[in-house]
Amino acid sequence: MQGLIFDVQRFSVHDGPGIRTTVFMKGCPLRCGCCHNPDTWDPAGGKEWTAEDVLKKALRFREYFGEEGGITLSGGEPLMQASFAAELFRQSREAGLNTCLDTSGCVLNGGVEELLSVTDRVLLDLKYVTEEKYRAHVGCGLAAPLKFLARLNELGKPVTLRQVTIPGLNDDEASVRELVRIAEAHPCVDKVELLPFRKICQVKYDNLGIKFPYGDLPEPSREKMKLLEDKILNDATVMSGSVLKVDAFLGQKIDVCLANEMAKEWKRRFADKEINKILTIEASGIALAVLTAEKLLNPQIFRLKYLGMTARKIFGFTAFSARENCEHLKKEIF
């Protein structure tokens, strides 16, 4: 089986966990105004590769992947070549490589289901949070990626929800707040990333004789990006029973300095809430829970996945682990 490939990039560090080989596939049905790869839209002109050839190239750099790295399919839109992508991922898994799918989530069919069955992580690009902006600036409706995300949630696939921050289109707090709400509604999402809009792709449009739709828009400032990123990091919410939930969007890596500053900020924001319990679902939240507990003068800390009977009587809801694809606590009566 052969696929149409535009390029293969080595030592990628922004296309999934660890160091990766990123394969840019040809063909995309969308026309996003911020697209950085207009040269991948048309399937024509791509080089034909077999899955074996792509994997062989990736394995040349295996020693740099470590435990988390592997192979990422991007584009273009890899869902347009789902059968080839599934075969490549199947072989990659057999070779012990982590598989990551970078997609817009615009298609969901039998071929895509097969691809998802051999995908370890999905980088889902949710470009906007309103139907109006999707129709005007993407080429499909918001329902398509939301349906895709709902399916990922059903499958328990770990998801990094990504969005390119574009001044004047989705850089307001209301947009980011809705992005966070969507993430919270899908437990499979364990990370949210905001990517600053950049215009380094202008030369590609010029070479193709195509007008860059967002060529006149400014790039977001560092200050603006930090403001929006802080709104995502500041995801703590007070739940019933004076419980502070602290683990959202931490992933599996811990920045001690950042965690300490977050704990200080949460002490300031929730000082009047009489917090007496700190709740973390993922192990990655334990360090932050400890720091937050210390700042709030020693409330109790619970890790929800493996609670004893006493804690089970306190918390009455289900904790779903996307990584382990199972539920750890069934809903019980208080």
Protein backbone atom coordinates (compact mmCIF):
# COMPACT_ATOMS: atom_id res chain seq x y z
CA MET A 1 0.00 0.00 0.00
CA GLN A 2 1.28 3.45 -0.90
CA GLY A 3 0.53 6.90 0.41
CA LEU A 4 1.14 10.39 -0.96
CA ILE A 5 3.70 12.17 1.22
CA PHE A 6 4.72 15.81 1.03
CA ASP A 7 7.63 15.76 3.45
CA VAL A 8 9.19 13.85 6.35
CA GLN A 9 10.60 15.95 9.17
CA ARG A 10 13.08 14.59 11.68
CA PHE A 11 13.60 15.62 15.32
CA SER A 12 10.17 17.25 15.71
CA VAL A 13 9.49 18.45 19.27
CA HIS A 14 6.12 20.20 18.79
CA ASP A 15 4.13 17.37 17.18
CA GLY A 16 3.38 15.18 20.16
CA PRO A 17 5.28 13.85 23.18
CA GLY A 18 9.04 13.48 23.06
CA ILE A 19 11.18 13.70 19.94
CA ARG A 20 9.39 12.49 16.83
CA THR A 21 9.49 11.94 13.10
CA THR A 22 6.61 13.89 11.55
CA VAL A 23 5.16 12.78 8.23
CA PHE A 24 3.29 15.47 6.29
CA MET A 25 0.69 13.87 4.05
CA LYS A 26 -0.85 15.33 0.91
CA GLY A 27 -4.49 16.27 0.49
CA CYS A 28 -6.88 18.35 2.58
CA PRO A 29 -10.57 19.20 2.03
CA LEU A 30 -10.44 22.30 4.24
CA ARG A 31 -9.20 25.79 3.48
CA CYS A 32 -8.30 27.25 6.84
CA GLY A 33 -7.34 30.90 6.72
CA CYS A 34 -4.33 30.32 8.99
CA CYS A 35 -3.03 27.20 7.20
CA HIS A 36 0.78 26.98 7.20
CA ASN A 37 0.94 24.27 4.56
CA PRO A 38 -1.08 25.30 1.49
CA ASP A 39 1.33 23.22 -0.59
CA THR A 40 -0.20 20.09 0.94
CA TRP A 41 -3.81 20.80 -0.10
CA ASP A 42 -3.69 19.23 -3.55
CA PRO A 43 -2.92 15.49 -3.52
CA ALA A 44 -1.18 15.89 -6.88
CA GLY A 45 2.56 16.22 -6.75
CA GLY A 46 3.12 14.14 -3.66
CA LYS A 47 5.76 11.45 -3.56
CA GLU A 48 4.48 7.89 -3.26
CA TRP A 49 5.82 6.04 -0.24
CA THR A 50 5.05 2.59 1.13
CA ALA A 51 4.36 2.24 4.84
CA GLU A 52 7.51 0.15 5.10
CA ASP A 53 9.65 2.91 3.55
CA VAL A 54 8.27 5.58 5.91
CA LEU A 55 8.79 3.37 8.95
CA LYS A 56 12.32 2.49 7.85
CA LYS A 57 13.16 6.19 7.67
CA ALA A 58 11.65 6.84 11.11
CA LEU A 59 13.48 3.94 12.72
CA ARG A 60 16.83 5.43 11.69
CA PHE A 61 16.33 7.95 14.51
CA ARG A 62 14.80 5.62 17.06
CA GLU A 63 17.59 6.10 19.57
CA TYR A 64 16.53 9.75 19.94
CA PHE A 65 12.85 8.99 20.61
CA GLY A 66 13.26 7.81 24.19
CA GLU A 67 10.19 6.42 25.95
CA GLU A 68 7.71 9.02 24.70
CA GLY A 69 8.81 9.79 21.14
CA GLY A 70 7.71 8.13 17.95
CA ILE A 71 5.95 8.95 14.70
CA THR A 72 3.35 11.65 13.99
CA LEU A 73 1.11 11.95 10.94
CA SER A 74 0.23 15.51 9.95
CA GLY A 75 -0.57 17.27 6.71
CA GLY A 76 -2.51 18.22 4.88
CA GLU A 77 -5.13 16.05 6.52
CA PRO A 78 -4.02 12.47 7.24
CA LEU A 79 -7.66 11.36 7.56
CA MET A 80 -7.89 11.67 3.76
CA GLN A 81 -5.49 8.72 3.49
CA ALA A 82 -6.83 6.80 6.46
CA SER A 83 -6.11 3.28 5.17
CA PHE A 84 -2.46 4.05 4.46
CA ALA A 85 -2.15 5.90 7.77
CA ALA A 86 -3.63 2.92 9.63
CA GLU A 87 -1.17 0.53 7.99
CA LEU A 88 1.76 2.80 8.85
CA PHE A 89 0.64 3.13 12.45
CA ARG A 90 0.06 -0.60 12.73
CA GLN A 91 3.60 -1.32 11.60
CA SER A 92 4.95 1.47 13.81
CA ARG A 93 3.30 -0.01 16.86
CA GLU A 94 4.67 -3.45 16.04
CA ALA A 95 8.10 -1.81 15.94
CA GLY A 96 7.49 -0.29 19.39
CA LEU A 97 6.93 3.31 18.29
CA ASN A 98 4.38 5.66 19.81
CA THR A 99 1.83 6.85 17.23
CA CYS A 100 0.36 10.35 17.17
CA LEU A 101 -2.29 11.75 14.81
CA ASP A 102 -2.36 15.51 14.09
CA THR A 103 -5.79 16.22 12.62
CA SER A 104 -8.66 18.65 12.16
CA GLY A 105 -11.16 15.90 12.91
CA CYS A 106 -13.18 16.75 9.81
CA VAL A 107 -13.89 13.14 8.78
CA LEU A 108 -15.21 10.15 10.71
CA ASN A 109 -15.85 6.92 8.82
CA GLY A 110 -14.87 3.27 8.83
CA GLY A 111 -11.36 3.95 7.56
CA VAL A 112 -10.80 6.59 10.23
CA GLU A 113 -12.10 4.21 12.92
CA GLU A 114 -9.46 1.71 11.80
CA LEU A 115 -6.80 4.41 12.02
CA LEU A 116 -7.90 5.43 15.52
CA SER A 117 -7.61 1.82 16.69
CA VAL A 118 -3.82 2.01 16.18
CA THR A 119 -3.37 5.63 17.34
CA ASP A 120 -1.83 6.32 20.76
CA ARG A 121 -2.52 10.07 20.95
CA VAL A 122 -4.52 12.59 18.94
CA LEU A 123 -3.56 16.24 18.48
CA LEU A 124 -6.97 17.70 17.64
CA ASP A 125 -6.98 21.17 16.13
CA LEU A 126 -10.19 22.89 17.27
CA LYS A 127 -9.83 26.04 15.24
CA TYR A 128 -12.74 28.06 16.65
CA VAL A 129 -15.56 27.51 19.13
CA THR A 130 -18.48 28.86 17.09
CA GLU A 131 -20.31 27.52 14.06
CA GLU A 132 -20.22 30.92 12.38
CA LYS A 133 -16.43 31.18 12.43
CA TYR A 134 -15.97 27.58 11.38
CA ARG A 135 -18.16 28.10 8.32
CA ALA A 136 -16.50 31.39 7.44
CA HIS A 137 -12.85 30.48 7.98
CA VAL A 138 -12.46 26.69 7.77
CA GLY A 139 -14.74 25.06 5.23
CA CYS A 140 -16.76 22.77 7.49
CA GLY A 141 -19.00 23.15 10.51
CA LEU A 142 -18.10 22.97 14.19
CA ALA A 143 -20.17 19.78 14.50
CA ALA A 144 -17.56 17.74 12.61
CA PRO A 145 -14.62 18.16 15.04
CA LEU A 146 -16.95 17.97 18.05
CA LYS A 147 -18.32 14.65 16.78
CA PHE A 148 -14.75 13.47 16.27
CA LEU A 149 -13.83 14.54 19.81
CA ALA A 150 -16.88 12.77 21.24
CA ARG A 151 -15.78 9.58 19.50
CA LEU A 152 -12.25 9.94 20.87
CA ASN A 153 -13.79 10.30 24.31
CA GLU A 154 -15.78 7.09 23.83
CA LEU A 155 -12.60 5.29 22.78
CA GLY A 156 -10.58 6.73 25.65
CA LYS A 157 -7.92 8.11 23.33
CA PRO A 158 -5.60 10.66 24.99
CA VAL A 159 -6.15 14.01 23.31
CA THR A 160 -4.19 17.24 23.17
CA LEU A 161 -6.67 19.95 22.21
CA ARG A 162 -4.91 22.63 20.16
CA GLN A 163 -5.91 26.00 18.83
CA VAL A 164 -4.02 28.60 16.81
CA THR A 165 -4.56 31.95 18.50
CA ILE A 166 -5.54 34.50 15.84
CA PRO A 167 -5.93 38.19 16.80
CA GLY A 168 -9.47 39.39 16.29
CA LEU A 169 -10.89 35.92 15.67
CA ASN A 170 -10.34 33.74 18.73
CA ASP A 171 -8.03 35.62 21.08
CA ASP A 172 -10.73 36.86 23.45
CA GLU A 173 -11.29 35.43 26.91
CA ALA A 174 -14.79 34.20 26.03
CA SER A 175 -13.35 32.02 23.25
CA VAL A 176 -10.71 30.53 25.53
CA ARG A 177 -13.29 29.98 28.25
CA GLU A 178 -15.43 28.00 25.80
CA LEU A 179 -12.38 26.03 24.69
CA VAL A 180 -11.74 25.09 28.33
CA ARG A 181 -15.42 24.14 28.76
CA ILE A 182 -15.21 21.81 25.76
CA ALA A 183 -12.04 20.25 27.15
CA GLU A 184 -13.62 19.74 30.58
CA ALA A 185 -16.64 18.06 28.98
CA HIS A 186 -14.38 15.41 27.41
CA PRO A 187 -12.21 13.56 29.98
CA CYS A 188 -10.00 12.22 27.20
CA VAL A 189 -8.49 15.71 26.87
CA ASP A 190 -5.46 15.83 29.14
CA LYS A 191 -3.76 18.87 27.63
CA VAL A 192 -4.75 22.13 25.96
CA GLU A 193 -2.29 24.08 23.81
CA LEU A 194 -2.57 27.57 22.38
CA LEU A 195 -0.32 28.09 19.36
CA PRO A 196 0.48 31.67 18.34
CA PHE A 197 -0.55 32.62 14.80
CA ARG A 198 2.53 33.20 12.66
CA LYS A 199 2.98 34.45 9.09
CA ILE A 200 6.20 32.68 8.13
CA CYS A 201 4.10 30.71 5.63
CA GLN A 202 3.53 33.85 3.52
CA VAL A 203 6.30 32.81 1.13
CA LYS A 204 4.50 29.53 0.41
CA TYR A 205 1.36 31.38 -0.66
CA ASP A 206 3.43 33.75 -2.76
CA ASN A 207 5.16 30.86 -4.54
CA LEU A 208 1.81 29.23 -5.26
CA GLY A 209 0.28 32.49 -6.48
CA ILE A 210 -2.39 32.28 -3.76
CA LYS A 211 -3.50 35.12 -1.53
CA PHE A 212 -2.80 34.42 2.14
CA PRO A 213 -6.23 35.08 3.74
CA TYR A 214 -4.74 36.23 7.03
CA GLY A 215 -1.77 38.06 5.57
CA ASP A 216 -3.04 41.40 6.90
CA LEU A 217 -3.67 40.17 10.44
CA PRO A 218 -1.12 40.87 13.20
CA GLU A 219 0.64 38.14 15.11
CA PRO A 220 -0.33 37.85 18.80
CA SER A 221 2.09 39.36 21.29
CA ARG A 222 3.85 37.31 23.95
CA GLU A 223 1.88 39.19 26.58
CA LYS A 224 -1.42 38.25 24.96
CA MET A 225 -0.43 34.60 24.65
CA LYS A 226 0.61 34.46 28.29
CA LEU A 227 -2.68 36.02 29.36
CA LEU A 228 -4.67 33.40 27.49
CA GLU A 229 -2.43 30.53 28.57
CA ASP A 230 -2.83 31.64 32.19
CA LYS A 231 -6.58 31.37 31.82
CA ILE A 232 -6.18 27.73 30.82
CA LEU A 233 -3.66 26.93 33.54
CA ASN A 234 -5.91 28.66 36.05
CA ASP A 235 -8.45 25.88 35.65
CA ALA A 236 -8.98 25.18 39.33
CA THR A 237 -12.61 24.83 40.27
CA VAL A 238 -14.27 24.48 43.67
CA MET A 239 -16.51 21.43 43.70
CA SER A 240 -19.18 20.44 46.20
CA GLY A 241 -17.99 19.61 49.69
CA SER A 242 -15.22 22.25 49.77
CA VAL A 243 -13.13 20.25 47.29
CA LEU A 244 -10.53 22.01 45.14
CA LYS A 245 -9.76 20.13 41.89
CA VAL A 246 -6.18 20.83 40.81
CA ASP A 247 -5.06 18.36 38.16
CA ALA A 248 -6.61 19.53 34.87
CA PHE A 249 -4.27 20.08 31.89
CA LEU A 250 -1.08 19.16 33.75
CA GLY A 251 -0.25 16.19 31.54
CA GLN A 252 2.49 13.93 32.88
CA LYS A 253 5.28 16.46 33.36
CA ILE A 254 5.80 18.66 36.42
CA ASP A 255 7.32 22.13 36.38
CA VAL A 256 8.07 22.66 40.08
CA CYS A 257 8.44 26.44 39.83
CA LEU A 258 5.22 26.77 37.84
CA ALA A 259 3.35 24.46 40.22
CA ASN A 260 4.50 26.49 43.21
CA GLU A 261 3.35 29.73 41.61
CA MET A 262 0.02 28.15 40.72
CA ALA A 263 -0.41 26.99 44.31
CA LYS A 264 0.26 30.53 45.55
CA GLU A 265 -2.28 31.96 43.14
CA TRP A 266 -4.92 29.40 44.11
CA LYS A 267 -4.38 30.20 47.78
CA ARG A 268 -5.10 33.84 46.96
CA ARG A 269 -8.16 33.09 44.84
CA PHE A 270 -9.73 30.47 47.08
CA ALA A 271 -8.74 31.78 50.51
CA ASP A 272 -12.37 32.57 51.33
CA LYS A 273 -13.75 29.18 50.25
CA GLU A 274 -12.76 27.21 53.38
CA ILE A 275 -11.12 24.47 51.34
CA ASN A 276 -10.48 21.33 53.42
CA LYS A 277 -9.89 18.72 50.72
CA ILE A 278 -7.61 18.69 47.68
CA LEU A 279 -8.61 16.34 44.88
CA THR A 280 -6.42 15.04 42.05
CA ILE A 281 -7.47 12.36 39.56
CA GLU A 282 -4.13 11.88 37.79
CA ALA A 283 -0.79 11.13 39.41
CA SER A 284 0.59 14.24 37.72
CA GLY A 285 -1.57 16.34 40.03
CA ILE A 286 -0.10 14.99 43.27
CA ALA A 287 2.85 17.39 43.45
CA LEU A 288 0.62 20.38 42.76
CA ALA A 289 -1.92 19.07 45.30
CA VAL A 290 0.80 18.88 47.98
CA LEU A 291 2.01 22.41 47.25
CA THR A 292 -1.54 23.73 47.24
CA ALA A 293 -2.34 21.91 50.49
CA GLU A 294 0.71 23.46 52.14
CA LYS A 295 -0.39 26.94 51.07
CA LEU A 296 -3.94 26.31 52.34
CA LEU A 297 -2.69 25.11 55.73
CA ASN A 298 -2.83 21.35 55.38
CA PRO A 299 -6.21 20.24 54.01
CA GLN A 300 -6.57 16.54 53.20
CA ILE A 301 -5.36 15.24 49.83
CA PHE A 302 -7.10 12.50 47.87
CA ARG A 303 -6.08 10.79 44.66
CA LEU A 304 -9.44 9.77 43.27
CA LYS A 305 -8.48 6.70 41.24
CA TYR A 306 -7.76 4.41 44.16
CA LEU A 307 -9.84 5.67 47.06
CA GLY A 308 -10.61 3.62 50.13
CA MET A 309 -14.11 3.15 51.49
CA THR A 310 -14.04 6.34 53.56
CA ALA A 311 -13.26 8.52 50.58
CA ARG A 312 -15.76 6.62 48.44
CA LYS A 313 -18.47 7.86 50.79
CA ILE A 314 -17.25 11.44 50.36
CA PHE A 315 -17.00 11.56 46.56
CA GLY A 316 -19.94 10.37 44.49
CA PHE A 317 -18.90 10.52 40.85
CA THR A 318 -16.92 8.62 38.23
CA ALA A 319 -13.24 9.25 37.50
CA PHE A 320 -12.27 8.25 33.95
CA SER A 321 -8.65 7.65 32.98
CA ALA A 322 -8.12 8.31 29.27
CA ARG A 323 -4.64 6.83 29.45
CA GLU A 324 -5.85 3.56 30.97
CA ASN A 325 -9.21 3.62 29.14
CA CYS A 326 -11.26 2.71 32.20
CA GLU A 327 -13.23 4.16 35.08
CA HIS A 328 -11.78 4.01 38.57
CA LEU A 329 -14.70 4.97 40.77
CA LYS A 330 -18.36 4.26 40.05
CA LYS A 331 -20.98 6.69 41.22
CA GLU A 332 -22.16 5.90 44.74
CA ILE A 333 -24.74 7.27 47.14
CA PHE A 334 -23.38 9.61 49.80
